[in-house]
PDB file of N, CA and C in Angstrom:
ATOM      1  N   UNK A   1       1.478   3.821   5.578  1.00  0.00           N
ATOM      2  CA  UNK A   1       1.575   3.102   4.301  1.00  0.00           C
ATOM      3  C   UNK A   1       1.834   2.174   4.347  1.00  0.00           C
ATOM      4  N   UNK A   2       1.737   0.900   3.947  1.00  0.00           N
ATOM      5  CA  UNK A   2       2.175  -0.562   3.603  1.00  0.00           C
ATOM      6  C   UNK A   2       2.647  -0.970   2.433  1.00  0.00           C
ATOM      7  N   UNK A   3       4.223  -1.209   2.183  1.00  0.00           N
ATOM      8  CA  UNK A   3       4.084  -1.458   0.734  1.00  0.00           C
ATOM      9  C   UNK A   3       4.143  -2.912   0.172  1.00  0.00           C
ATOM     10  N   UNK A   4       3.339  -3.221  -0.748  1.00  0.00           N
ATOM     11  CA  UNK A   4       4.059  -5.314  -0.787  1.00  0.00           C
ATOM     12  C   UNK A   4       4.219  -5.106  -2.015  1.00  0.00           C
ATOM     13  N   UNK A   5       4.862  -6.225  -2.181  1.00  0.00           N
ATOM     14  CA  UNK A   5       5.268  -6.353  -3.900  1.00  0.00           C
ATOM     15  C   UNK A   5       4.616  -7.480  -4.596  1.00  0.00           C
ATOM     16  N   UNK A   6       3.532  -7.709  -4.225  1.00  0.00           N
ATOM     17  CA  UNK A   6       2.651  -8.477  -4.946  1.00  0.00           C
ATOM     18  C   UNK A   6       1.404  -8.022  -5.003  1.00  0.00           C
ATOM     19  N   UNK A   7       0.168  -7.959  -5.361  1.00  0.00           N
ATOM     20  CA  UNK A   7      -1.396  -7.823  -5.420  1.00  0.00           C
ATOM     21  C   UNK A   7      -2.021  -8.623  -4.769  1.00  0.00           C
ATOM     22  N   UNK A   8      -1.989 -10.078  -5.396  1.00  0.00           N
ATOM     23  CA  UNK A   8      -2.128 -11.252  -4.691  1.00  0.00           C
ATOM     24  C   UNK A   8      -1.543 -12.003  -4.648  1.00  0.00           C
ATOM     25  N   UNK A   9      -1.559 -12.922  -3.507  1.00  0.00           N
ATOM     26  CA  UNK A   9      -0.817 -14.538  -3.568  1.00  0.00           C
ATOM     27  C   UNK A   9      -0.569 -15.305  -4.219  1.00  0.00           C
ATOM     28  N   UNK A  10       1.013 -15.701  -4.249  1.00  0.00           N
ATOM     29  CA  UNK A  10       1.102 -16.354  -5.476  1.00  0.00           C
ATOM     30  C   UNK A  10       2.020 -17.680  -5.155  1.00  0.00           C
ATOM     31  N   UNK A  11       1.747 -18.757  -6.256  1.00  0.00           N
ATOM     32  CA  UNK A  11       1.995 -20.274  -5.375  1.00  0.00           C
ATOM     33  C   UNK A  11       3.911 -19.791  -5.633  1.00  0.00           C
ATOM     34  N   UNK A  12       4.219 -19.342  -6.216  1.00  0.00           N
ATOM     35  CA  UNK A  12       6.060 -19.250  -6.743  1.00  0.00           C
ATOM     36  C   UNK A  12       6.322 -18.766  -5.749  1.00  0.00           C
ATOM     37  N   UNK A  13       6.015 -17.016  -5.364  1.00  0.00           N
ATOM     38  CA  UNK A  13       6.691 -16.550  -4.971  1.00  0.00           C
ATOM     39  C   UNK A  13       6.232 -16.543  -3.209  1.00  0.00           C
ATOM     40  N   UNK A  14       7.447 -16.265  -1.948  1.00  0.00           N
ATOM     41  CA  UNK A  14       6.646 -16.614  -0.636  1.00  0.00           C
ATOM     42  C   UNK A  14       6.775 -14.354  -0.397  1.00  0.00           C
ATOM     43  N   UNK A  15       5.614 -13.843  -0.504  1.00  0.00           N
ATOM     44  CA  UNK A  15       6.348 -12.983   0.164  1.00  0.00           C
ATOM     45  C   UNK A  15       3.996 -12.527  -0.177  1.00  0.00           C
ATOM     46  N   UNK A  16       3.927 -11.280   1.463  1.00  0.00           N
ATOM     47  CA  UNK A  16       3.180 -10.802   1.047  1.00  0.00           C
ATOM     48  C   UNK A  16       2.427 -10.037   0.247  1.00  0.00           C
ATOM     49  N   UNK A  17       1.228 -10.516   0.226  1.00  0.00           N
ATOM     50  CA  UNK A  17       0.593  -9.868  -1.087  1.00  0.00           C
ATOM     51  C   UNK A  17      -0.625  -8.842  -0.778  1.00  0.00           C
ATOM     52  N   UNK A  18      -0.807  -7.797  -1.957  1.00  0.00           N
ATOM     53  CA  UNK A  18      -1.592  -6.318  -0.715  1.00  0.00           C
ATOM     54  C   UNK A  18      -2.824  -6.784  -0.053  1.00  0.00           C
ATOM     55  N   UNK A  19      -3.812  -7.628  -1.178  1.00  0.00           N
ATOM     56  CA  UNK A  19      -4.797  -7.927  -1.040  1.00  0.00           C
ATOM     57  C   UNK A  19      -5.282  -8.274   0.256  1.00  0.00           C
ATOM     58  N   UNK A  20      -4.399  -9.353   0.957  1.00  0.00           N
ATOM     59  CA  UNK A  20      -4.574 -10.319   2.031  1.00  0.00           C
ATOM     60  C   UNK A  20      -4.204  -9.515   3.384  1.00  0.00           C
ATOM     61  N   UNK A  21      -3.327  -8.580   2.731  1.00  0.00           N
ATOM     62  CA  UNK A  21      -2.236  -8.424   3.921  1.00  0.00           C
ATOM     63  C   UNK A  21      -3.873  -7.057   4.425  1.00  0.00           C
ATOM     64  N   UNK A  22      -4.238  -6.172   4.061  1.00  0.00           N
ATOM     65  CA  UNK A  22      -4.991  -5.428   4.000  1.00  0.00           C
ATOM     66  C   UNK A  22      -6.694  -6.159   4.888  1.00  0.00           C
ATOM     67  N   UNK A  23      -7.136  -7.310   4.356  1.00  0.00           N
ATOM     68  CA  UNK A  23      -7.977  -7.780   4.879  1.00  0.00           C
ATOM     69  C   UNK A  23      -7.296  -8.622   6.102  1.00  0.00           C
ATOM     70  N   UNK A  24      -6.431  -8.730   6.568  1.00  0.00           N
ATOM     71  CA  UNK A  24      -5.542  -8.981   8.525  1.00  0.00           C
ATOM     72  C   UNK A  24      -5.439  -7.742   8.331  1.00  0.00           C
ATOM     73  N   UNK A  25      -5.425  -6.960   8.202  1.00  0.00           N
ATOM     74  CA  UNK A  25      -4.805  -5.416   9.165  1.00  0.00           C
ATOM     75  C   UNK A  25      -6.238  -5.153   9.666  1.00  0.00           C
ATOM     76  N   UNK A  26      -6.960  -5.274   8.195  1.00  0.00           N
ATOM     77  CA  UNK A  26      -8.626  -4.566   9.030  1.00  0.00           C
ATOM     78  C   UNK A  26      -9.908  -5.215   9.809  1.00  0.00           C
ATOM     79  N   UNK A  27      -9.492  -6.926   9.647  1.00  0.00           N
ATOM     80  CA  UNK A  27     -10.344  -7.415  10.694  1.00  0.00           C
ATOM     81  C   UNK A  27      -9.750  -8.121  12.096  1.00  0.00           C
ATOM     82  N   UNK A  28      -8.438  -8.173  12.014  1.00  0.00           N
ATOM     83  CA  UNK A  28      -7.774  -8.665  13.512  1.00  0.00           C
ATOM     84  C   UNK A  28      -6.604  -7.237  14.227  1.00  0.00           C
ATOM     85  N   UNK A  29      -6.051  -6.604  13.040  1.00  0.00           N
ATOM     86  CA  UNK A  29      -4.674  -6.246  14.247  1.00  0.00           C
ATOM     87  C   UNK A  29      -5.277  -4.571  14.225  1.00  0.00           C
ATOM     88  N   UNK A  30      -5.998  -3.981  12.851  1.00  0.00           N
ATOM     89  CA  UNK A  30      -6.348  -2.909  13.107  1.00  0.00           C
ATOM     90  C   UNK A  30      -7.898  -2.358  12.578  1.00  0.00           C
ATOM     91  N   UNK A  31      -9.166  -3.083  13.942  1.00  0.00           N
ATOM     92  CA  UNK A  31     -10.764  -2.960  13.390  1.00  0.00           C
ATOM     93  C   UNK A  31     -11.114  -1.815  13.761  1.00  0.00           C
ATOM     94  N   UNK A  32     -10.534  -0.790  14.393  1.00  0.00           N
ATOM     95  CA  UNK A  32     -10.335   0.046  14.677  1.00  0.00           C
ATOM     96  C   UNK A  32     -10.751   1.233  13.661  1.00  0.00           C
ATOM     97  N   UNK A  33      -9.558   1.113  13.092  1.00  0.00           N
ATOM     98  CA  UNK A  33      -9.572   2.169  11.377  1.00  0.00           C
ATOM     99  C   UNK A  33      -9.622   1.178  10.533  1.00  0.00           C
ATOM    100  N   UNK A  34      -9.486   2.272   9.596  1.00  0.00           N
ATOM    101  CA  UNK A  34      -9.899   2.477   8.517  1.00  0.00           C
ATOM    102  C   UNK A  34      -8.704   2.261   7.854  1.00  0.00           C
ATOM    103  N   UNK A  35      -8.892   1.421   6.839  1.00  0.00           N
ATOM    104  CA  UNK A  35      -7.256   0.312   6.115  1.00  0.00           C
ATOM    105  C   UNK A  35      -7.836   0.831   4.372  1.00  0.00           C
ATOM    106  N   UNK A  36      -7.276   0.380   3.819  1.00  0.00           N
ATOM    107  CA  UNK A  36      -7.406   1.385   2.354  1.00  0.00           C
ATOM    108  C   UNK A  36      -6.636  -0.112   1.893  1.00  0.00           C
ATOM    109  N   UNK A  37      -7.150  -0.385   0.165  1.00  0.00           N
ATOM    110  CA  UNK A  37      -5.845  -1.132  -0.522  1.00  0.00           C
ATOM    111  C   UNK A  37      -5.941   0.157  -1.685  1.00  0.00           C
ATOM    112  N   UNK A  38      -4.464   0.018  -2.210  1.00  0.00           N
ATOM    113  CA  UNK A  38      -4.145   0.277  -3.325  1.00  0.00           C
ATOM    114  C   UNK A  38      -3.157  -0.344  -4.342  1.00  0.00           C
ATOM    115  N   UNK A  39      -3.642  -0.895  -5.892  1.00  0.00           N
ATOM    116  CA  UNK A  39      -2.883  -1.282  -7.154  1.00  0.00           C
ATOM    117  C   UNK A  39      -3.263  -1.089  -7.838  1.00  0.00           C
ATOM    118  N   UNK A  40      -2.041  -1.672  -8.625  1.00  0.00           N
ATOM    119  CA  UNK A  40      -2.097  -0.972 -10.076  1.00  0.00           C
ATOM    120  C   UNK A  40      -3.395  -1.738 -11.216  1.00  0.00           C
ATOM    121  N   UNK A  41      -3.982  -2.699  -9.944  1.00  0.00           N
ATOM    122  CA  UNK A  41      -4.915  -3.542 -11.175  1.00  0.00           C
ATOM    123  C   UNK A  41      -6.512  -2.892 -11.285  1.00  0.00           C
ATOM    124  N   UNK A  42      -6.298  -1.640 -10.490  1.00  0.00           N
ATOM    125  CA  UNK A  42      -7.821  -0.908 -10.174  1.00  0.00           C
ATOM    126  C   UNK A  42      -7.722   0.248 -11.109  1.00  0.00           C
ATOM    127  N   UNK A  43      -8.612   0.234 -11.496  1.00  0.00           N
ATOM    128  CA  UNK A  43      -9.536   1.376 -12.560  1.00  0.00           C
ATOM    129  C   UNK A  43      -9.230   2.485 -12.117  1.00  0.00           C
ATOM    130  N   UNK A  44      -8.400   3.297 -13.159  1.00  0.00           N
ATOM    131  CA  UNK A  44      -8.149   4.511 -12.210  1.00  0.00           C
ATOM    132  C   UNK A  44      -9.184   5.836 -11.586  1.00  0.00           C
ATOM    133  N   UNK A  45     -10.265   5.490 -11.515  1.00  0.00           N
ATOM    134  CA  UNK A  45     -11.953   6.393 -10.609  1.00  0.00           C
ATOM    135  C   UNK A  45     -11.339   5.298  -9.579  1.00  0.00           C
ATOM    136  N   UNK A  46     -10.992   4.386  -9.457  1.00  0.00           N
ATOM    137  CA  UNK A  46     -10.982   3.991  -8.045  1.00  0.00           C
ATOM    138  C   UNK A  46      -9.919   3.766  -7.331  1.00  0.00           C
ATOM    139  N   UNK A  47      -9.216   3.732  -7.880  1.00  0.00           N
ATOM    140  CA  UNK A  47      -7.205   4.811  -7.418  1.00  0.00           C
ATOM    141  C   UNK A  47      -7.885   5.948  -6.845  1.00  0.00           C
ATOM    142  N   UNK A  48      -7.798   6.751  -8.039  1.00  0.00           N
ATOM    143  CA  UNK A  48      -7.933   7.884  -7.220  1.00  0.00           C
ATOM    144  C   UNK A  48      -9.541   8.380  -5.717  1.00  0.00           C
ATOM    145  N   UNK A  49     -10.494   7.617  -6.354  1.00  0.00           N
ATOM    146  CA  UNK A  49     -11.298   7.654  -4.612  1.00  0.00           C
ATOM    147  C   UNK A  49     -10.452   7.263  -3.930  1.00  0.00           C
ATOM    148  N   UNK A  50      -9.624   5.826  -3.678  1.00  0.00           N
ATOM    149  CA  UNK A  50      -8.705   5.568  -2.331  1.00  0.00           C
ATOM    150  C   UNK A  50      -7.864   6.759  -1.984  1.00  0.00           C
ATOM    151  N   UNK A  51      -7.052   7.207  -2.909  1.00  0.00           N
ATOM    152  CA  UNK A  51      -6.579   8.284  -2.800  1.00  0.00           C
ATOM    153  C   UNK A  51      -6.629   9.433  -1.470  1.00  0.00           C
ATOM    154  N   UNK A  52      -8.080  10.244  -2.001  1.00  0.00           N
ATOM    155  CA  UNK A  52      -8.400  11.262  -1.762  1.00  0.00           C
ATOM    156  C   UNK A  52      -8.944  11.084  -0.543  1.00  0.00           C
ATOM    157  N   UNK A  53      -9.671   9.646  -0.163  1.00  0.00           N
ATOM    158  CA  UNK A  53      -9.702   9.387   1.136  1.00  0.00           C
ATOM    159  C   UNK A  53      -8.270   9.522   1.709  1.00  0.00           C
ATOM    160  N   UNK A  54      -7.309   8.803   1.285  1.00  0.00           N
ATOM    161  CA  UNK A  54      -6.192   8.723   3.041  1.00  0.00           C
ATOM    162  C   UNK A  54      -6.132  10.023   2.612  1.00  0.00           C
ATOM    163  N   UNK A  55      -5.657  10.635   1.941  1.00  0.00           N
ATOM    164  CA  UNK A  55      -5.267  12.240   2.086  1.00  0.00           C
ATOM    165  C   UNK A  55      -5.898  12.980   2.738  1.00  0.00           C
ATOM    166  N   UNK A  56      -7.333  12.980   2.804  1.00  0.00           N
ATOM    167  CA  UNK A  56      -8.230  13.722   4.144  1.00  0.00           C
ATOM    168  C   UNK A  56      -8.234  12.593   5.491  1.00  0.00           C
ATOM    169  N   UNK A  57      -7.107  11.643   5.154  1.00  0.00           N
ATOM    170  CA  UNK A  57      -7.415  10.961   6.232  1.00  0.00           C
ATOM    171  C   UNK A  57      -8.628  10.063   7.514  1.00  0.00           C
ATOM    172  N   UNK A  58      -9.253   9.596   5.387  1.00  0.00           N
ATOM    173  CA  UNK A  58     -10.784   8.935   5.938  1.00  0.00           C
ATOM    174  C   UNK A  58     -10.374   7.677   6.208  1.00  0.00           C
ATOM    175  N   UNK A  59      -9.047   7.201   5.929  1.00  0.00           N
ATOM    176  CA  UNK A  59      -8.392   5.735   5.383  1.00  0.00           C
ATOM    177  C   UNK A  59      -7.147   6.000   6.333  1.00  0.00           C
ATOM    178  N   UNK A  60      -7.060   5.438   7.462  1.00  0.00           N
ATOM    179  CA  UNK A  60      -5.409   5.598   8.087  1.00  0.00           C
ATOM    180  C   UNK A  60      -4.512   5.178   7.969  1.00  0.00           C
ATOM    181  N   UNK A  61      -4.998   3.608   7.155  1.00  0.00           N
ATOM    182  CA  UNK A  61      -3.700   3.176   6.594  1.00  0.00           C
ATOM    183  C   UNK A  61      -3.941   2.580   5.215  1.00  0.00           C
ATOM    184  N   UNK A  62      -2.897   2.707   4.886  1.00  0.00           N
ATOM    185  CA  UNK A  62      -3.072   2.724   3.198  1.00  0.00           C
ATOM    186  C   UNK A  62      -2.074   1.287   2.974  1.00  0.00           C
ATOM    187  N   UNK A  63      -2.399   0.165   2.122  1.00  0.00           N
ATOM    188  CA  UNK A  63      -1.160  -1.398   2.190  1.00  0.00           C
ATOM    189  C   UNK A  63      -1.733  -0.936   0.344  1.00  0.00           C
ATOM    190  N   UNK A  64      -0.066  -1.054  -0.141  1.00  0.00           N
ATOM    191  CA  UNK A  64      -0.329  -0.842  -1.743  1.00  0.00           C
ATOM    192  C   UNK A  64       0.198  -1.372  -2.160  1.00  0.00           C
ATOM    193  N   UNK A  65       0.862  -1.464  -2.980  1.00  0.00           N
ATOM    194  CA  UNK A  65       1.686  -2.062  -4.009  1.00  0.00           C
ATOM    195  C   UNK A  65       2.693  -0.631  -4.724  1.00  0.00           C
ATOM    196  N   UNK A  66       4.047  -1.061  -5.818  1.00  0.00           N
ATOM    197  CA  UNK A  66       4.806   0.465  -5.767  1.00  0.00           C
ATOM    198  C   UNK A  66       3.685   1.502  -6.673  1.00  0.00           C
ATOM    199  N   UNK A  67       2.143   1.080  -7.296  1.00  0.00           N
ATOM    200  CA  UNK A  67       1.552   1.654  -7.344  1.00  0.00           C
ATOM    201  C   UNK A  67       1.879   3.050  -6.940  1.00  0.00           C
ATOM    202  N   UNK A  68       2.011   3.203  -6.290  1.00  0.00           N
ATOM    203  CA  UNK A  68       2.259   4.611  -5.194  1.00  0.00           C
ATOM    204  C   UNK A  68       3.818   5.397  -5.168  1.00  0.00           C
ATOM    205  N   UNK A  69       4.996   4.472  -6.286  1.00  0.00           N
ATOM    206  CA  UNK A  69       6.370   5.423  -5.858  1.00  0.00           C
ATOM    207  C   UNK A  69       6.743   6.682  -6.928  1.00  0.00           C
ATOM    208  N   UNK A  70       5.477   6.748  -7.464  1.00  0.00           N
ATOM    209  CA  UNK A  70       5.159   7.832  -8.189  1.00  0.00           C
ATOM    210  C   UNK A  70       4.030   8.971  -8.144  1.00  0.00           C
ATOM    211  N   UNK A  71       4.241  10.065  -8.191  1.00  0.00           N
ATOM    212  CA  UNK A  71       3.081  11.217  -7.672  1.00  0.00           C
ATOM    213  C   UNK A  71       2.087  11.512  -6.717  1.00  0.00           C
ATOM    214  N   UNK A  72       2.710  10.392  -5.987  1.00  0.00           N
ATOM    215  CA  UNK A  72       2.497  10.579  -4.195  1.00  0.00           C
ATOM    216  C   UNK A  72       2.826  11.607  -3.200  1.00  0.00           C
ATOM    217  N   UNK A  73       1.544  12.345  -3.133  1.00  0.00           N
ATOM    218  CA  UNK A  73       2.592  13.113  -1.761  1.00  0.00           C
ATOM    219  C   UNK A  73       1.710  13.131  -0.946  1.00  0.00           C
ATOM    220  N   UNK A  74       1.366  13.182   0.350  1.00  0.00           N
ATOM    221  CA  UNK A  74      -0.030  12.694   2.008  1.00  0.00           C
ATOM    222  C   UNK A  74       1.128  13.353   2.981  1.00  0.00           C
ATOM    223  N   UNK A  75       1.095  14.286   3.079  1.00  0.00           N
ATOM    224  CA  UNK A  75       1.909  15.390   5.147  1.00  0.00           C
ATOM    225  C   UNK A  75       1.569  14.367   5.535  1.00  0.00           C
ATOM    226  N   UNK A  76       0.644  13.642   5.878  1.00  0.00           N
ATOM    227  CA  UNK A  76      -0.050  12.958   7.041  1.00  0.00           C
ATOM    228  C   UNK A  76       0.216  11.481   7.684  1.00  0.00           C
ATOM    229  N   UNK A  77       0.700  11.191   5.896  1.00  0.00           N
ATOM    230  CA  UNK A  77       1.663   9.591   6.214  1.00  0.00           C
ATOM    231  C   UNK A  77       3.145   9.523   6.940  1.00  0.00           C
ATOM    232  N   UNK A  78       2.928   9.374   8.023  1.00  0.00           N
ATOM    233  CA  UNK A  78       4.508   9.641   9.178  1.00  0.00           C
ATOM    234  C   UNK A  78       5.088   7.997   8.976  1.00  0.00           C
ATOM    235  N   UNK A  79       4.342   7.443   8.507  1.00  0.00           N
ATOM    236  CA  UNK A  79       5.581   6.062   8.633  1.00  0.00           C
ATOM    237  C   UNK A  79       4.652   5.176   7.269  1.00  0.00           C
ATOM    238  N   UNK A  80       5.588   4.566   6.816  1.00  0.00           N
ATOM    239  CA  UNK A  80       5.835   3.479   5.126  1.00  0.00           C
ATOM    240  C   UNK A  80       6.372   2.396   5.660  1.00  0.00           C
ATOM    241  N   UNK A  81       5.837   1.157   5.746  1.00  0.00           N
ATOM    242  CA  UNK A  81       6.627  -0.188   5.595  1.00  0.00           C
ATOM    243  C   UNK A  81       6.612  -1.105   4.863  1.00  0.00           C
ATOM    244  N   UNK A  82       7.822  -1.253   4.457  1.00  0.00           N
ATOM    245  CA  UNK A  82       7.812  -2.040   2.841  1.00  0.00           C
ATOM    246  C   UNK A  82       8.350  -3.252   3.314  1.00  0.00           C
ATOM    247  N   UNK A  83       6.629  -4.152   3.281  1.00  0.00           N
ATOM    248  CA  UNK A  83       7.723  -5.673   2.826  1.00  0.00           C
ATOM    249  C   UNK A  83       8.162  -6.310   1.597  1.00  0.00           C
ATOM    250  N   UNK A  84       9.016  -7.144   2.918  1.00  0.00           N
ATOM    251  CA  UNK A  84       9.410  -7.722   0.826  1.00  0.00           C
ATOM    252  C   UNK A  84      10.636  -6.659   0.583  1.00  0.00           C
ATOM    253  N   UNK A  85      10.879  -6.052   1.014  1.00  0.00           N
ATOM    254  CA  UNK A  85      12.366  -5.104   0.645  1.00  0.00           C
ATOM    255  C   UNK A  85      13.199  -5.210  -0.195  1.00  0.00           C
ATOM    256  N   UNK A  86      13.592  -6.190   0.359  1.00  0.00           N
ATOM    257  CA  UNK A  86      14.535  -7.249  -0.598  1.00  0.00           C
ATOM    258  C   UNK A  86      13.912  -7.823  -2.375  1.00  0.00           C
ATOM    259  N   UNK A  87      12.938  -7.782  -2.202  1.00  0.00           N
ATOM    260  CA  UNK A  87      11.962  -7.678  -3.711  1.00  0.00           C
ATOM    261  C   UNK A  87      12.549  -5.855  -4.817  1.00  0.00           C
ATOM    262  N   UNK A  88      12.349  -5.362  -3.557  1.00  0.00           N
ATOM    263  CA  UNK A  88      12.427  -4.221  -4.566  1.00  0.00           C
ATOM    264  C   UNK A  88      14.154  -3.234  -5.306  1.00  0.00           C
ATOM    265  N   UNK A  89      14.480  -2.679  -5.880  1.00  0.00           N
ATOM    266  CA  UNK A  89      15.180  -2.513  -6.677  1.00  0.00           C
ATOM    267  C   UNK A  89      15.649  -1.428  -5.938  1.00  0.00           C
ATOM    268  N   UNK A  90      16.924  -0.659  -5.873  1.00  0.00           N
ATOM    269  CA  UNK A  90      17.192   0.184  -5.187  1.00  0.00           C
ATOM    270  C   UNK A  90      16.913   1.381  -5.717  1.00  0.00           C
ATOM    271  N   UNK A  91      16.241   1.905  -7.128  1.00  0.00           N
ATOM    272  CA  UNK A  91      15.954   2.747  -7.514  1.00  0.00           C
ATOM    273  C   UNK A  91      14.087   2.955  -6.722  1.00  0.00           C
ATOM    274  N   UNK A  92      13.881   2.436  -6.933  1.00  0.00           N
ATOM    275  CA  UNK A  92      12.541   1.896  -6.883  1.00  0.00           C
ATOM    276  C   UNK A  92      12.654   2.358  -4.937  1.00  0.00           C
ATOM    277  N   UNK A  93      12.964   1.826  -4.134  1.00  0.00           N
ATOM    278  CA  UNK A  93      13.276   1.423  -2.930  1.00  0.00           C
ATOM    279  C   UNK A  93      12.957   3.545  -2.299  1.00  0.00           C
ATOM    280  N   UNK A  94      14.283   4.082  -3.473  1.00  0.00           N
ATOM    281  CA  UNK A  94      14.515   5.150  -3.401  1.00  0.00           C
ATOM    282  C   UNK A  94      13.169   5.812  -3.467  1.00  0.00           C
ATOM    283  N   UNK A  95      12.867   6.081  -4.852  1.00  0.00           N
ATOM    284  CA  UNK A  95      10.929   6.403  -4.704  1.00  0.00           C
ATOM    285  C   UNK A  95      10.005   6.638  -3.753  1.00  0.00           C
ATOM    286  N   UNK A  96      10.353   5.762  -3.608  1.00  0.00           N
ATOM    287  CA  UNK A  96       9.268   5.132  -2.594  1.00  0.00           C
ATOM    288  C   UNK A  96       9.825   6.361  -1.627  1.00  0.00           C
ATOM    289  N   UNK A  97      10.774   6.288  -0.505  1.00  0.00           N
ATOM    290  CA  UNK A  97      11.179   6.623   0.486  1.00  0.00           C
ATOM    291  C   UNK A  97      10.513   8.483   0.440  1.00  0.00           C
ATOM    292  N   UNK A  98      10.778   8.814  -1.075  1.00  0.00           N
ATOM    293  CA  UNK A  98      10.373   9.753  -1.376  1.00  0.00           C
ATOM    294  C   UNK A  98       9.216  10.971  -1.341  1.00  0.00           C
ATOM    295  N   UNK A  99       8.099   9.436  -1.109  1.00  0.00           N
ATOM    296  CA  UNK A  99       6.840   9.634  -0.764  1.00  0.00           C
ATOM    297  C   UNK A  99       6.626  10.414   0.918  1.00  0.00           C
TER     298      UNK A  99
END
């Protein structure tokens, strides 16, 4: 699981955006793995479908925003990378650590 502070790139902030990172990982870094994207601007049904695929291991790499910080427990998710961790508060990081 890779957590990004932004959904899309911003002219004002220099941080990795989830959409662009997911695209890069899927095409260049991990072309043989299924890369998923999850963020708060998605419809609930879309988010549920992505999470179902991730839990079933049909998505091996999930790029997400902090939408995953509450209510997500995936035992087969063994590694979490937090891009731009300095942009998150301690409470958010603690919540993410518990996932």
